[in-house]
Protein backbone atom coordinates (compact mmCIF):
# COMPACT_ATOMS: atom_id res chain seq x y z
CA MET A 1 -34.37 0.45 20.27
CA ARG A 2 -31.17 0.89 22.12
CA LEU A 3 -27.47 1.53 21.00
CA SER A 4 -24.67 1.08 23.26
CA GLN A 5 -20.90 1.96 23.08
CA GLN A 6 -21.26 3.61 20.05
CA ILE A 7 -17.93 5.88 18.89
CA THR A 8 -19.42 8.85 17.84
CA PHE A 9 -18.24 12.50 16.81
CA LEU A 10 -20.90 15.73 16.70
CA LEU A 11 -21.19 17.66 13.97
CA HIS A 12 -23.94 20.18 15.16
CA ARG A 13 -25.63 21.36 17.97
CA ARG A 14 -28.50 23.58 19.00
CA ALA A 15 -30.77 24.46 21.54
CA TYR A 16 -34.08 22.50 22.05
CA GLY A 17 -36.39 23.43 24.39
CA GLU A 18 -35.05 25.41 27.70
CA ARG A 19 -32.53 23.30 28.76
CA SER A 20 -32.28 20.55 25.73
CA LEU A 21 -29.86 20.24 23.17
CA LEU A 22 -30.74 18.65 19.20
CA VAL A 23 -27.90 17.08 17.94
CA GLU A 24 -26.32 15.90 14.85
CA LEU A 25 -24.22 12.98 15.67
CA TRP A 26 -22.04 10.80 13.12
CA THR A 27 -21.55 7.22 14.45
CA ARG A 28 -18.97 4.86 12.91
CA GLU A 29 -22.08 2.01 12.80
CA HIS A 30 -24.83 3.42 12.25
CA GLY A 31 -23.87 6.67 10.25
CA ARG A 32 -25.52 9.98 11.08
CA LEU A 33 -28.23 9.86 13.28
CA PRO A 34 -30.05 12.97 14.71
CA ALA A 35 -30.91 12.97 18.83
CA ILE A 36 -32.07 15.29 21.35
CA ALA A 37 -29.84 15.61 24.52
CA ARG A 38 -32.09 16.54 27.18
CA GLN A 39 -31.21 18.95 30.08
CA VAL A 40 -27.80 19.49 29.19
CA ARG A 41 -28.26 23.58 29.12
CA GLY A 42 -28.06 25.03 32.30
CA GLY A 43 -26.46 22.43 34.10
CA SER A 44 -22.65 20.85 34.65
CA SER A 45 -20.68 22.84 32.39
CA GLU A 46 -18.42 19.98 32.13
CA ARG A 47 -21.03 17.29 31.08
CA SER A 48 -22.59 20.30 27.89
CA ALA A 49 -19.08 21.26 27.41
CA SER A 50 -17.85 17.50 26.71
CA LEU A 51 -20.89 17.57 24.25
CA ALA A 52 -18.56 19.36 21.71
CA PRO A 53 -17.92 19.05 18.33
CA PHE A 54 -14.23 17.06 17.67
CA ASN A 55 -14.49 15.36 20.78
CA ARG A 56 -14.77 11.81 20.18
CA LEU A 57 -17.59 9.93 22.30
CA GLN A 58 -18.35 7.10 23.52
CA ALA A 59 -22.48 7.42 23.53
CA GLU A 60 -25.77 5.65 24.22
CA LEU A 61 -28.49 6.40 22.65
CA SER A 62 -32.05 5.10 22.58
CA GLY A 63 -35.94 5.66 21.16
CA ARG A 64 -38.22 4.86 18.18
CA GLY A 65 -38.44 7.20 15.09
CA ASP A 66 -36.22 9.51 13.41
CA VAL A 67 -35.01 11.27 16.56
CA MET A 68 -33.35 9.12 19.24
CA THR A 69 -32.42 10.49 23.17
CA LEU A 70 -28.98 10.81 23.84
CA THR A 71 -28.67 8.93 27.47
CA ARG A 72 -24.99 9.01 28.26
CA TRP A 73 -21.44 10.12 26.41
CA GLU A 74 -17.93 10.17 27.89
CA VAL A 75 -14.90 11.61 26.15
CA GLU A 76 -12.36 8.80 24.86
CA GLY A 77 -9.51 10.14 25.75
CA ALA A 78 -7.96 13.89 26.08
CA PRO A 79 -11.00 16.65 25.07
CA MET A 80 -9.86 18.00 21.56
CA MET A 81 -9.28 21.63 21.36
CA LEU A 82 -9.52 23.17 18.00
CA ARG A 83 -8.94 27.08 17.90
CA GLY A 84 -8.77 30.22 15.34
CA SER A 85 -8.76 29.24 11.78
CA VAL A 86 -8.21 25.27 12.83
CA ALA A 87 -11.33 25.34 14.68
CA LEU A 88 -12.63 26.81 11.46
CA ALA A 89 -11.53 24.31 9.18
CA GLY A 90 -12.76 21.91 11.62
CA MET A 91 -16.32 23.80 11.41
CA TYR A 92 -16.19 23.62 7.74
CA VAL A 93 -15.66 19.75 7.19
CA ASN A 94 -18.91 19.06 9.80
CA GLU A 95 -20.94 21.26 8.27
CA LEU A 96 -19.82 19.91 4.48
CA LEU A 97 -20.83 16.00 6.13
CA ALA A 98 -23.84 17.11 7.96
CA ARG A 99 -25.22 18.48 4.56
CA LEU A 100 -23.68 15.70 2.05
CA LEU A 101 -23.94 12.24 4.39
CA ALA A 102 -27.15 10.07 4.08
CA ARG A 103 -28.65 9.70 7.38
CA GLY A 104 -28.21 6.33 8.52
CA ASP A 105 -26.02 5.20 6.19
CA PRO A 106 -22.95 3.83 7.70
CA ASN A 107 -19.22 4.55 5.87
CA PRO A 108 -16.38 3.28 8.73
CA GLU A 109 -13.82 3.60 6.40
CA LEU A 110 -14.50 7.54 5.91
CA PHE A 111 -15.36 7.74 9.78
CA ASP A 112 -11.64 6.53 10.44
CA HIS A 113 -10.50 8.91 7.72
CA TYR A 114 -12.22 12.03 9.49
CA ALA A 115 -11.40 10.77 12.99
CA MET A 116 -7.05 11.01 11.31
CA LEU A 117 -8.08 14.49 10.01
CA ILE A 118 -9.47 15.82 13.26
CA SER A 119 -6.30 14.20 15.20
CA SER A 120 -3.80 15.60 12.66
CA LEU A 121 -5.66 19.31 12.54
CA SER A 122 -4.31 19.89 16.46
CA ALA A 123 -1.16 18.85 15.60
CA GLU A 124 -0.31 19.69 11.40
CA PRO A 125 1.36 23.52 10.77
CA ARG A 126 -0.63 23.19 7.58
CA THR A 127 -4.31 22.81 7.54
CA ASP A 128 -4.69 23.17 3.93
CA TRP A 129 -3.20 19.95 2.53
CA LEU A 130 -5.26 18.00 5.33
CA LEU A 131 -8.14 19.44 4.12
CA ARG A 132 -7.60 18.68 0.34
CA ARG A 133 -7.06 14.91 1.09
CA PHE A 134 -9.75 14.55 3.43
CA GLU A 135 -12.01 16.55 0.40
CA LYS A 136 -11.02 13.71 -1.90
CA GLN A 137 -11.72 11.03 0.13
CA LEU A 138 -14.79 11.94 0.67
CA LEU A 139 -15.84 12.15 -2.95
CA ASP A 140 -14.25 8.98 -3.37
CA GLN A 141 -16.57 7.57 -0.33
CA LEU A 142 -19.58 9.29 -1.53
CA GLY A 143 -18.74 7.84 -5.40
CA TYR A 144 -17.49 10.17 -6.92
CA GLY A 145 -14.11 9.88 -7.09
CA LEU A 146 -12.47 11.70 -10.35
CA ASN A 147 -9.70 9.54 -12.93
CA LEU A 148 -6.96 12.02 -12.21
CA GLU A 149 -4.30 10.10 -14.31
CA GLN A 150 -6.19 10.49 -17.62
CA SER A 151 -8.84 12.88 -19.09
CA ALA A 152 -11.76 11.55 -20.50
CA ASP A 153 -10.86 10.54 -23.92
CA GLY A 154 -7.96 8.32 -22.21
CA ARG A 155 -5.16 10.57 -22.88
CA PRO A 156 -2.91 10.83 -19.67
CA ILE A 157 -2.82 13.96 -17.92
CA GLU A 158 -0.11 16.25 -19.07
CA ALA A 159 1.32 18.81 -15.63
CA ALA A 160 1.47 21.05 -18.22
CA GLY A 161 -1.89 20.88 -19.49
CA ARG A 162 -5.21 22.93 -18.31
CA TYR A 163 -8.53 20.76 -17.86
CA LEU A 164 -12.20 21.13 -17.13
CA VAL A 165 -13.37 19.62 -14.47
CA ASP A 166 -16.96 18.05 -13.81
CA LEU A 167 -18.68 15.10 -12.15
CA ASP A 168 -21.07 14.67 -15.34
CA ARG A 169 -18.36 14.70 -17.95
CA GLY A 170 -14.63 13.89 -16.27
CA VAL A 171 -11.61 16.02 -17.08
CA ARG A 172 -11.36 17.45 -20.31
CA GLU A 173 -8.36 18.86 -21.66
CA ILE A 174 -9.28 22.83 -23.05
CA GLY A 175 -6.52 24.76 -25.00
CA THR A 176 -7.17 28.61 -22.74
CA GLU A 177 -5.45 29.53 -19.48
CA GLN A 178 -9.27 28.90 -18.09
CA GLY A 179 -9.77 25.85 -15.83
CA TYR A 180 -7.12 23.89 -13.90
CA SER A 181 -4.04 23.16 -14.56
CA GLY A 182 -2.40 18.94 -14.90
CA ALA A 183 -0.40 19.50 -11.66
CA ALA A 184 -3.01 20.08 -9.61
CA LEU A 185 -5.20 17.35 -10.68
CA LEU A 186 -2.10 14.75 -10.47
CA ALA A 187 -1.11 16.28 -7.30
CA LEU A 188 -4.91 15.58 -6.18
CA GLY A 189 -4.54 11.78 -7.15
CA ALA A 190 -1.07 11.64 -5.53
CA ILE A 191 -2.39 13.24 -2.41
CA GLU A 192 -2.58 10.22 -0.16
CA SER A 193 1.42 9.57 -0.07
CA GLU A 194 2.93 13.04 -1.05
CA GLN A 195 2.09 16.63 0.27
CA PRO A 196 1.79 19.31 -2.15
CA SER A 197 2.66 22.74 -1.98
CA SER A 198 0.42 26.05 -0.74
CA ALA A 199 -0.33 26.95 -4.56
CA ILE A 200 -0.99 23.76 -5.83
CA CYS A 201 -3.49 23.42 -2.78
CA ASN A 202 -5.11 26.79 -2.97
CA GLU A 203 -5.95 25.77 -6.94
CA GLN A 204 -7.20 22.40 -5.61
CA ARG A 205 -9.27 24.22 -2.98
CA LYS A 206 -10.89 26.27 -6.23
CA LEU A 207 -11.66 23.09 -8.00
CA LEU A 208 -12.93 21.06 -4.96
CA ARG A 209 -15.35 24.19 -3.79
CA ALA A 210 -16.84 24.43 -7.44
CA ILE A 211 -17.45 20.21 -7.17
CA PHE A 212 -19.10 20.37 -3.58
CA LEU A 213 -20.99 23.47 -4.57
CA ASP A 214 -22.61 21.36 -7.62
CA LEU A 215 -23.25 18.32 -4.97
CA LEU A 216 -25.01 20.79 -2.81
CA ALA A 217 -27.61 21.71 -5.62
CA GLY A 218 -25.63 25.62 -5.38
CA ARG A 219 -26.10 25.94 -1.56
CA PRO A 220 -23.19 27.52 -0.40
CA LEU A 221 -21.87 26.29 3.48
CA SER A 222 -22.41 28.72 5.68
CA THR A 223 -18.30 28.18 6.71
CA TRP A 224 -17.31 29.23 2.95
CA GLN A 225 -19.20 32.60 4.23
CA TRP A 226 -17.72 33.18 7.32
CA SER A 227 -14.04 31.97 5.75
CA GLN A 228 -14.31 34.87 3.31
CA ALA A 229 -15.41 37.36 5.60
CA LEU A 230 -12.41 36.87 8.09
CA SER A 231 -10.28 37.06 5.06
CA GLN A 232 -11.71 40.46 3.90
CA ALA A 233 -11.77 41.98 7.54
CA SER A 234 -7.89 40.69 8.03
CA ALA A 235 -7.18 42.52 4.87
CA GLU A 236 -8.24 45.55 5.59
CA ARG A 237 -6.12 45.63 8.98
């Protein structure tokens, strides 16, 4: 089988043998696909560097079985250069996608959301709300979208209220200071059109991390641990 002119992003890569790479690709038409890029390590630095996360690629793949061969690729537009905390944000999203997306299951709408996110990360001064927006889009596209206008008992969510949230039981109001504020839930529901404050985004981050940890069967992402270690190191300076 041959797949040509595939719009593609690379989610992950690692060494394979002495000179090749095993790559996890996300294609717009065919979803997440593993492939081998042969004879790229130790060769042309430009060729290897172009096969990097965040670059929008046009790729050609061939082969049979679960792992295909990446036979050709080129960067569409200018190479995407993300650095520092912005690069870590992009790596987090890539790891999340690699863990949650089923192989071979295309989702062109989510793919387009991701392309917009990567483009925006390099230009937008605030990355927190961009990440929260994409996380909500990811949940919606995976079929785990929450009703963020009313609680499980049918009552409207109030900004001043406090709520528990889980995927099985939905949003439930509680009478204590535990849980999450109604303001954070309402802002998450409107995040496609309204940019929440940094404080609200931080509360949403805690909520969404708990939800994703549940979907990941309790196995945390490496990028969560890296981010925590970097924050601790920065606080100790």
